[in-house]
N, C-alpha and C. Protein backbone atom coordinates (compact mmCIF):
# COMPACT_ATOMS: atom_id res chain seq x y z
N UNK A 1 -15.77 -8.67 2.17
CA UNK A 1 -14.86 -9.35 1.13
C UNK A 1 -14.14 -8.45 0.66
N UNK A 2 -14.30 -7.00 0.71
CA UNK A 2 -13.07 -6.23 0.05
C UNK A 2 -12.03 -6.38 0.99
N UNK A 3 -12.03 -6.47 2.21
CA UNK A 3 -10.64 -6.43 3.07
C UNK A 3 -10.13 -7.60 2.54
N UNK A 4 -10.82 -8.96 2.60
CA UNK A 4 -10.08 -10.13 2.28
C UNK A 4 -9.58 -10.20 0.82
N UNK A 5 -10.14 -9.45 -0.05
CA UNK A 5 -9.50 -9.43 -1.36
C UNK A 5 -8.24 -8.28 -1.27
N UNK A 6 -8.42 -7.36 -0.55
CA UNK A 6 -6.98 -6.66 -0.39
C UNK A 6 -5.95 -7.54 0.45
N UNK A 7 -6.34 -8.39 1.14
CA UNK A 7 -5.17 -8.95 1.65
C UNK A 7 -4.90 -10.05 0.81
N UNK A 8 -5.46 -10.71 0.04
CA UNK A 8 -5.10 -11.53 -1.00
C UNK A 8 -3.97 -10.86 -2.11
N UNK A 9 -4.47 -9.62 -2.49
CA UNK A 9 -3.80 -8.85 -3.15
C UNK A 9 -2.48 -8.54 -2.86
N UNK A 10 -2.31 -8.31 -1.17
CA UNK A 10 -0.86 -7.77 -0.81
C UNK A 10 -0.13 -9.03 -0.59
N UNK A 11 -0.71 -10.24 -0.24
CA UNK A 11 0.11 -11.57 -0.02
C UNK A 11 0.55 -11.88 -1.65
N UNK A 12 -0.03 -11.78 -2.62
CA UNK A 12 0.40 -12.08 -4.09
C UNK A 12 1.40 -11.39 -4.14
N UNK A 13 1.53 -9.98 -3.98
CA UNK A 13 2.48 -9.01 -4.29
C UNK A 13 3.64 -9.18 -3.42
N UNK A 14 3.54 -9.68 -2.17
CA UNK A 14 4.87 -9.85 -1.15
C UNK A 14 5.29 -11.47 -1.95
N UNK A 15 4.67 -12.12 -2.28
CA UNK A 15 5.41 -13.16 -3.04
C UNK A 15 5.84 -12.99 -4.37
N UNK A 16 5.22 -12.20 -5.24
CA UNK A 16 6.16 -11.71 -6.26
C UNK A 16 7.23 -11.13 -6.04
N UNK A 17 7.34 -10.24 -5.08
CA UNK A 17 8.67 -9.24 -4.65
C UNK A 17 9.59 -10.43 -4.20
N UNK A 18 9.31 -11.22 -3.20
CA UNK A 18 10.05 -12.22 -2.90
C UNK A 18 10.68 -13.18 -3.93
N UNK A 19 9.67 -13.49 -4.82
CA UNK A 19 10.39 -14.17 -6.12
C UNK A 19 11.42 -13.38 -6.86
N UNK A 20 11.15 -12.13 -7.17
CA UNK A 20 12.01 -11.39 -7.72
C UNK A 20 13.39 -11.12 -7.10
N UNK A 21 13.38 -10.95 -5.59
CA UNK A 21 14.62 -11.23 -4.94
C UNK A 21 15.52 -12.12 -4.83
N UNK A 22 14.57 -13.39 -4.90
CA UNK A 22 15.55 -14.59 -5.02
C UNK A 22 15.81 -14.96 -6.51
N UNK A 23 15.41 -14.30 -7.45
CA UNK A 23 15.92 -14.41 -8.71
C UNK A 23 17.31 -13.57 -8.79
N UNK A 24 17.38 -12.65 -7.95
CA UNK A 24 18.53 -11.89 -7.83
C UNK A 24 19.50 -12.44 -6.89
N UNK A 25 19.25 -12.92 -5.74
CA UNK A 25 19.75 -13.44 -4.74
C UNK A 25 20.53 -14.95 -5.04
N UNK A 26 19.85 -15.96 -5.73
CA UNK A 26 20.47 -17.12 -5.78
C UNK A 26 21.27 -17.31 -7.34
N UNK A 27 22.21 -18.15 -7.15
CA UNK A 27 23.09 -18.16 -8.25
C UNK A 27 22.93 -19.45 -9.29
N UNK A 28 22.41 -20.61 -8.46
CA UNK A 28 22.06 -22.02 -9.32
C UNK A 28 20.85 -21.70 -10.14
N UNK A 29 20.82 -21.92 -11.58
CA UNK A 29 19.72 -21.96 -12.36
C UNK A 29 18.55 -22.94 -12.06
N UNK A 30 18.95 -23.84 -11.37
CA UNK A 30 17.83 -24.58 -10.90
C UNK A 30 17.02 -24.03 -9.74
N UNK A 31 17.78 -23.44 -8.82
CA UNK A 31 17.20 -23.01 -7.51
C UNK A 31 16.36 -21.74 -8.03
N UNK A 32 16.65 -20.85 -8.94
CA UNK A 32 16.19 -19.80 -9.79
C UNK A 32 14.94 -20.33 -10.39
N UNK A 33 14.73 -21.40 -10.99
CA UNK A 33 13.88 -21.98 -11.72
C UNK A 33 12.74 -22.29 -10.58
N UNK A 34 13.20 -22.77 -9.43
CA UNK A 34 11.90 -23.07 -8.35
C UNK A 34 11.43 -21.75 -7.82
N UNK A 35 12.42 -20.55 -7.51
CA UNK A 35 11.98 -19.65 -6.85
C UNK A 35 10.95 -18.80 -8.14
N UNK A 36 11.23 -18.73 -9.41
CA UNK A 36 10.15 -18.46 -10.40
C UNK A 36 9.15 -19.05 -10.44
N UNK A 37 9.10 -20.34 -10.38
CA UNK A 37 7.94 -21.04 -10.35
C UNK A 37 6.95 -20.86 -9.32
N UNK A 38 7.44 -20.80 -7.98
CA UNK A 38 6.70 -20.51 -6.85
C UNK A 38 6.06 -18.95 -7.09
N UNK A 39 7.10 -18.00 -7.37
CA UNK A 39 6.57 -16.71 -7.66
C UNK A 39 5.56 -16.49 -8.86
N UNK A 40 5.61 -17.40 -9.83
CA UNK A 40 4.69 -17.35 -10.85
C UNK A 40 3.37 -17.75 -10.62
N UNK A 41 3.31 -19.24 -10.04
CA UNK A 41 2.08 -19.89 -9.65
C UNK A 41 1.48 -18.98 -8.27
N UNK A 42 2.57 -19.10 -7.33
CA UNK A 42 1.53 -18.75 -6.25
C UNK A 42 1.46 -17.23 -5.99
N UNK A 43 2.31 -16.37 -6.40
CA UNK A 43 2.33 -15.01 -6.27
C UNK A 43 1.17 -14.29 -7.39
N UNK A 44 1.19 -14.85 -8.40
CA UNK A 44 0.10 -14.42 -9.49
C UNK A 44 -1.20 -15.14 -9.23
N UNK A 45 -1.17 -16.32 -8.58
CA UNK A 45 -2.65 -16.62 -8.38
C UNK A 45 -3.15 -16.18 -7.28
N UNK A 46 -2.38 -15.90 -6.20
CA UNK A 46 -3.14 -14.91 -5.29
C UNK A 46 -3.47 -13.75 -5.63
N UNK A 47 -2.66 -13.16 -6.28
CA UNK A 47 -2.98 -11.50 -6.64
C UNK A 47 -4.36 -11.88 -7.46
N UNK A 48 -4.32 -12.61 -8.49
CA UNK A 48 -5.74 -12.78 -9.52
C UNK A 48 -6.77 -13.33 -8.60
N UNK A 49 -6.58 -14.17 -7.65
CA UNK A 49 -8.00 -14.54 -6.93
C UNK A 49 -8.50 -13.36 -6.11
N UNK A 50 -7.39 -12.64 -5.48
CA UNK A 50 -7.87 -11.40 -4.70
C UNK A 50 -8.11 -10.27 -5.64
N UNK A 51 -7.82 -10.09 -6.87
CA UNK A 51 -8.44 -8.92 -7.59
C UNK A 51 -9.88 -9.73 -8.04
N UNK A 52 -10.37 -10.91 -8.05
CA UNK A 52 -11.78 -11.53 -8.24
C UNK A 52 -12.31 -11.14 -7.29
N UNK A 53 -11.98 -11.37 -5.77
CA UNK A 53 -12.66 -11.22 -4.89
C UNK A 53 -12.95 -9.78 -4.61
N UNK A 54 -11.85 -9.09 -4.75
CA UNK A 54 -11.97 -7.52 -4.74
C UNK A 54 -12.99 -6.86 -5.69
N UNK A 55 -12.76 -7.35 -6.93
CA UNK A 55 -13.72 -6.56 -8.01
C UNK A 55 -15.09 -7.15 -8.07
N UNK A 56 -15.04 -8.19 -7.65
CA UNK A 56 -16.40 -9.28 -8.02
C UNK A 56 -16.50 -9.99 -9.43
N UNK A 57 -17.81 -10.28 -9.82
CA UNK A 57 -17.87 -11.12 -11.20
C UNK A 57 -18.48 -10.31 -12.16
N UNK A 58 -17.70 -9.00 -12.25
CA UNK A 58 -17.95 -8.15 -13.46
C UNK A 58 -17.04 -8.41 -14.63
N UNK A 59 -16.88 -7.49 -15.40
CA UNK A 59 -15.79 -7.82 -16.56
C UNK A 59 -14.55 -8.21 -16.02
N UNK A 60 -13.83 -7.48 -15.30
CA UNK A 60 -12.65 -7.47 -14.62
C UNK A 60 -12.48 -8.85 -13.97
N UNK A 61 -13.29 -9.15 -13.13
CA UNK A 61 -13.11 -10.42 -12.34
C UNK A 61 -13.27 -11.59 -13.44
N UNK A 62 -14.16 -11.50 -14.44
CA UNK A 62 -14.15 -12.64 -15.35
C UNK A 62 -12.84 -12.69 -16.21
N UNK A 63 -12.34 -11.43 -16.55
CA UNK A 63 -10.82 -11.81 -17.30
C UNK A 63 -9.69 -12.22 -16.51
N UNK A 64 -10.03 -11.86 -15.09
CA UNK A 64 -8.89 -12.32 -14.14
C UNK A 64 -8.89 -13.86 -13.86
N UNK A 65 -10.26 -14.41 -14.13
CA UNK A 65 -10.38 -15.74 -13.93
C UNK A 65 -9.77 -16.41 -15.23
N UNK A 66 -10.13 -15.67 -16.22
CA UNK A 66 -9.56 -16.30 -17.68
C UNK A 66 -8.16 -16.34 -17.47
N UNK A 67 -7.32 -15.25 -17.29
CA UNK A 67 -5.90 -15.06 -17.16
C UNK A 67 -5.48 -16.05 -16.03
N UNK A 68 -6.16 -16.35 -15.20
CA UNK A 68 -5.62 -17.27 -13.78
C UNK A 68 -5.50 -18.80 -14.38
N UNK A 69 -6.71 -19.02 -15.37
CA UNK A 69 -6.58 -20.70 -15.75
C UNK A 69 -5.48 -20.56 -16.62
N UNK A 70 -5.16 -19.67 -17.72
CA UNK A 70 -4.26 -19.81 -18.28
C UNK A 70 -2.81 -19.65 -17.96
N UNK A 71 -2.62 -18.91 -16.81
CA UNK A 71 -1.41 -19.13 -16.24
C UNK A 71 -1.20 -20.60 -15.25
N UNK A 72 -2.23 -20.83 -14.77
CA UNK A 72 -2.06 -22.33 -14.06
C UNK A 72 -1.79 -23.31 -15.22
N UNK A 73 -2.26 -23.35 -16.25
CA UNK A 73 -1.86 -24.29 -17.25
C UNK A 73 -0.61 -24.10 -17.90
N UNK A 74 -0.25 -22.78 -18.46
CA UNK A 74 1.12 -22.57 -18.88
C UNK A 74 2.40 -22.32 -18.02
N UNK A 75 2.18 -21.90 -16.98
CA UNK A 75 3.34 -21.65 -16.14
C UNK A 75 4.46 -23.02 -15.82
N UNK A 76 3.70 -23.96 -15.38
CA UNK A 76 4.53 -25.08 -15.15
C UNK A 76 5.13 -25.60 -16.45
N UNK A 77 4.30 -25.37 -17.52
CA UNK A 77 4.93 -26.02 -19.06
C UNK A 77 6.24 -25.18 -19.50
N UNK A 78 6.14 -23.79 -18.92
CA UNK A 78 7.32 -23.16 -19.27
C UNK A 78 8.48 -23.31 -18.37
N UNK A 79 8.04 -23.64 -17.11
CA UNK A 79 9.26 -23.95 -16.24
C UNK A 79 9.75 -25.34 -16.32
N UNK A 80 8.99 -26.28 -16.78
CA UNK A 80 9.44 -27.61 -17.22
C UNK A 80 10.62 -27.45 -18.56
N UNK A 81 10.26 -26.54 -19.42
CA UNK A 81 10.84 -26.54 -20.69
C UNK A 81 11.97 -25.71 -20.49
N UNK A 82 12.13 -24.81 -19.65
CA UNK A 82 13.29 -24.21 -19.37
C UNK A 82 14.43 -25.31 -18.46
N UNK A 83 13.74 -25.95 -17.64
CA UNK A 83 14.63 -26.66 -17.04
C UNK A 83 15.21 -27.94 -17.62
N UNK A 84 14.34 -28.27 -18.70
CA UNK A 84 14.66 -29.55 -19.63
C UNK A 84 15.93 -28.87 -20.59
N UNK A 85 15.62 -27.53 -20.97
CA UNK A 85 16.84 -27.09 -21.87
C UNK A 85 17.87 -26.88 -21.12
N UNK A 86 18.09 -26.35 -19.89
CA UNK A 86 19.27 -26.37 -19.06
C UNK A 86 19.89 -27.68 -18.75
N UNK A 87 19.00 -28.88 -18.45
CA UNK A 87 19.67 -29.99 -18.20
C UNK A 87 20.10 -30.91 -19.39
N UNK A 88 19.57 -30.33 -20.74
CA UNK A 88 20.25 -30.86 -21.95
C UNK A 88 21.48 -30.35 -22.21
N UNK A 89 21.47 -28.99 -21.95
CA UNK A 89 22.87 -28.25 -22.25
C UNK A 89 23.76 -28.36 -21.41
N UNK A 90 23.41 -29.15 -20.11
CA UNK A 90 24.33 -29.56 -19.16
C UNK A 90 25.01 -28.40 -18.21
N UNK A 91 23.84 -27.54 -18.14
CA UNK A 91 24.25 -26.57 -17.38
C UNK A 91 24.38 -26.95 -15.81
N UNK A 92 25.34 -26.59 -15.12
CA UNK A 92 25.64 -26.99 -13.66
C UNK A 92 25.44 -25.81 -12.68
N UNK A 93 25.46 -26.55 -11.21
CA UNK A 93 24.98 -25.13 -10.34
C UNK A 93 26.27 -24.34 -10.33
């Protein structure tokens, strides 16, 4: 299980790194929001699940689970709020 946890940690870090690269690379605010959303939800979720698998159900694993649930609920809300703000202000590509 330790190797599986390390693979998940690595995949999460790769997704987060690609998200950061996409934030620098793309010009459109809406494409940046999409890249940030995928990196936020996908990368962070993979990283935290990998941490839970790697660490086990001790204190660190429990805290990672609470943080994962919090991010799964608040990440899409934050992305939606930023997208709506950009739409209301009529920010174009």
